[in-house]
Amino acid sequence: MNDKLGKKAEDKIKEWLDRPEEGYSFDRLPDQMSGLYGSCNICDFTLFKMPYQYYIESKATWEDRFDFSRITEYQYTHMLEKSQIEGVFSYVIVLFASYKRAFIFDIRDIDKSINDGKKSVNIKKIDKWTIPYIEIKTVPSRKNLLDYDREFSNTVFNGGKES
């Protein structure tokens, strides 16, 4: 991922979800430099919205395709493990920058897709996607990469149930 693009995508997620006044306990996990022991983060962000906990990884690409291999083995394993706990969800938010569209994938659905032999999702083939997804409502912006519709988070971060 282009570092500038990735940072912009992360900034948008922070802008979208950092709302303590609305009951969101949102934290950015600081990037860890691989040191002697090769420490790793499970994801980019954590979010608690009563009564649910979320692990959120942000990915962005200028390409038509998002390869699941862009999720590190450590992230994949640990996010999947966490999502087995009742009330805990692990999401990967993928921004297809060229299309100004963003999607949320549950790590359990990515796991099923991988087990079914899928290696990626291609936005040009969205009508053939078998993986469940939620498209984040976005508002194209000339000033920014894009803006998220803030109200959309109320339907996403409610334990996987549509409001």
Protein backbone atom coordinates (compact mmCIF):
# COMPACT_ATOMS: atom_id res chain seq x y z
CA MET A 1 0.00 0.00 0.00
CA ASN A 2 1.29 3.45 -0.84
CA ASP A 3 2.15 4.93 2.59
CA LYS A 4 0.41 8.24 1.84
CA LEU A 5 -2.72 6.47 0.61
CA GLY A 6 -2.73 4.15 3.62
CA LYS A 7 -2.32 7.05 6.01
CA LYS A 8 -5.17 8.95 4.36
CA ALA A 9 -7.42 5.89 4.61
CA GLU A 10 -6.54 5.48 8.29
CA ASP A 11 -7.18 9.18 8.95
CA LYS A 12 -10.64 8.86 7.39
CA ILE A 13 -11.48 5.88 9.60
CA LYS A 14 -10.32 7.84 12.66
CA GLU A 15 -12.42 10.84 11.62
CA TRP A 16 -15.39 8.54 11.06
CA LEU A 17 -15.22 6.56 14.30
CA ASP A 18 -13.50 8.70 16.94
CA ARG A 19 -16.72 9.90 18.59
CA PRO A 20 -16.64 9.41 22.36
CA GLU A 21 -19.65 11.71 22.71
CA GLU A 22 -21.68 9.05 20.89
CA GLY A 23 -20.41 6.12 22.96
CA TYR A 24 -17.51 5.05 20.73
CA SER A 25 -14.30 4.11 22.57
CA PHE A 26 -11.91 4.25 19.62
CA ASP A 27 -8.14 3.79 19.70
CA ARG A 28 -5.38 3.75 17.11
CA LEU A 29 -2.78 1.13 17.89
CA PRO A 30 0.60 2.80 17.34
CA ASP A 31 2.72 1.25 14.63
CA GLN A 32 5.46 -0.86 16.11
CA MET A 33 8.85 -0.97 14.55
CA SER A 34 10.02 -4.53 14.10
CA GLY A 35 12.58 -4.87 16.78
CA LEU A 36 14.62 -7.72 18.09
CA TYR A 37 11.52 -9.78 18.77
CA GLY A 38 9.51 -8.72 15.72
CA SER A 39 6.52 -7.32 17.60
CA CYS A 40 3.29 -7.01 15.66
CA ASN A 41 -0.10 -5.35 16.01
CA ILE A 42 -3.24 -7.37 15.53
CA CYS A 43 -4.80 -4.46 13.61
CA ASP A 44 -4.78 -0.68 13.16
CA PHE A 45 -7.69 0.22 15.46
CA THR A 46 -9.84 -1.06 18.29
CA LEU A 47 -13.38 0.11 18.89
CA PHE A 48 -15.74 -0.55 21.75
CA LYS A 49 -19.38 0.37 21.19
CA MET A 50 -21.54 -1.01 23.96
CA PRO A 51 -21.79 -4.02 24.15
CA TYR A 52 -19.44 -4.99 21.29
CA GLN A 53 -15.66 -4.95 20.72
CA TYR A 54 -14.18 -4.50 17.24
CA TYR A 55 -10.71 -5.02 15.77
CA ILE A 56 -10.32 -2.98 12.59
CA GLU A 57 -7.59 -3.23 9.97
CA SER A 58 -7.38 -0.54 7.28
CA LYS A 59 -6.15 -1.40 3.79
CA ALA A 60 -6.07 0.76 0.69
CA THR A 61 -5.15 0.18 -2.93
CA TRP A 62 -5.07 2.06 -6.21
CA GLU A 63 -5.44 -1.28 -7.99
CA ASP A 64 -8.66 -2.99 -9.13
CA ARG A 65 -7.89 -5.95 -6.91
CA PHE A 66 -7.32 -6.42 -3.19
CA ASP A 67 -5.26 -9.52 -2.43
CA PHE A 68 -6.09 -11.20 0.87
CA SER A 69 -2.36 -11.87 1.27
CA ARG A 70 -2.01 -8.16 2.14
CA ILE A 71 -3.37 -9.09 5.55
CA THR A 72 -0.35 -10.38 7.45
CA GLU A 73 -0.43 -13.91 8.82
CA TYR A 74 -0.24 -12.49 12.34
CA GLN A 75 -3.21 -10.18 11.75
CA TYR A 76 -5.23 -12.85 10.00
CA THR A 77 -4.68 -15.48 12.69
CA HIS A 78 -5.26 -13.17 15.64
CA MET A 79 -8.22 -11.30 14.20
CA LEU A 80 -9.86 -14.62 13.36
CA GLU A 81 -9.12 -15.91 16.85
CA LYS A 82 -10.62 -12.79 18.49
CA SER A 83 -13.75 -13.00 16.33
CA GLN A 84 -14.56 -16.39 17.87
CA ILE A 85 -15.35 -14.63 21.17
CA GLU A 86 -19.00 -13.72 21.64
CA GLY A 87 -19.53 -10.00 21.09
CA VAL A 88 -16.15 -9.50 19.35
CA PHE A 89 -15.84 -8.73 15.64
CA SER A 90 -12.82 -8.30 13.38
CA TYR A 91 -13.21 -6.21 10.25
CA VAL A 92 -10.95 -5.30 7.35
CA ILE A 93 -11.89 -2.02 5.69
CA VAL A 94 -10.62 -1.84 2.11
CA LEU A 95 -10.50 1.43 0.20
CA PHE A 96 -10.37 1.10 -3.58
CA ALA A 97 -8.96 4.59 -4.06
CA SER A 98 -9.28 4.78 -7.84
CA TYR A 99 -13.00 4.08 -7.50
CA LYS A 100 -13.52 6.14 -4.30
CA ARG A 101 -15.35 3.19 -2.79
CA ALA A 102 -14.73 1.45 0.52
CA PHE A 103 -15.90 -1.92 1.81
CA ILE A 104 -16.00 -3.70 5.14
CA PHE A 105 -15.23 -7.41 5.25
CA ASP A 106 -15.59 -9.61 8.31
CA ILE A 107 -12.40 -11.64 8.85
CA ARG A 108 -14.55 -14.79 9.16
CA ASP A 109 -15.88 -14.20 5.64
CA ILE A 110 -12.36 -13.61 4.34
CA ASP A 111 -11.35 -16.89 5.99
CA LYS A 112 -14.22 -18.73 4.30
CA SER A 113 -13.30 -17.19 0.94
CA ILE A 114 -9.68 -18.25 1.34
CA ASN A 115 -10.78 -21.76 2.30
CA ASP A 116 -12.96 -21.77 -0.84
CA GLY A 117 -9.86 -21.02 -2.92
CA LYS A 118 -10.32 -17.27 -3.40
CA LYS A 119 -7.19 -15.13 -3.17
CA SER A 120 -8.61 -11.66 -3.76
CA VAL A 121 -11.58 -9.46 -4.57
CA ASN A 122 -11.64 -7.42 -7.75
CA ILE A 123 -13.85 -4.36 -7.76
CA LYS A 124 -14.47 -4.74 -11.49
CA LYS A 125 -16.10 -8.09 -10.66
CA ILE A 126 -18.14 -6.89 -7.67
CA ASP A 127 -21.32 -8.38 -9.16
CA LYS A 128 -19.65 -11.81 -8.89
CA TRP A 129 -18.36 -11.45 -5.33
CA THR A 130 -19.46 -14.35 -3.18
CA ILE A 131 -17.97 -12.81 -0.03
CA PRO A 132 -20.43 -10.81 2.08
CA TYR A 133 -19.51 -7.14 2.40
CA ILE A 134 -20.85 -3.83 3.57
CA GLU A 135 -20.15 -0.85 1.36
CA ILE A 136 -19.38 2.28 3.32
CA LYS A 137 -21.41 5.18 2.07
CA THR A 138 -18.90 7.66 0.74
CA VAL A 139 -19.13 11.19 -0.52
CA PRO A 140 -16.58 12.06 -3.20
CA SER A 141 -14.61 15.15 -2.28
CA ARG A 142 -12.41 17.35 -4.43
CA LYS A 143 -10.56 18.49 -1.32
CA ASN A 144 -10.03 15.06 0.25
CA LEU A 145 -9.71 11.52 -1.00
CA LEU A 146 -13.32 10.98 0.07
CA ASP A 147 -15.60 11.51 3.03
CA TYR A 148 -17.51 8.81 4.87
CA ASP A 149 -21.16 9.25 5.70
CA ARG A 150 -20.86 9.39 9.51
CA GLU A 151 -24.36 8.03 10.10
CA PHE A 152 -23.38 4.81 8.38
CA SER A 153 -21.39 3.68 11.41
CA ASN A 154 -24.60 3.28 13.39
CA THR A 155 -25.66 0.43 11.10
CA VAL A 156 -22.23 -1.21 10.94
CA PHE A 157 -21.07 -1.20 14.55
CA ASN A 158 -24.05 -2.81 16.22
CA GLY A 159 -22.89 -6.39 16.54
CA GLY A 160 -23.22 -7.25 12.87
CA LYS A 161 -26.96 -6.58 12.79
CA GLU A 162 -28.63 -4.10 10.51
CA SER A 163 -30.50 -1.41 12.43
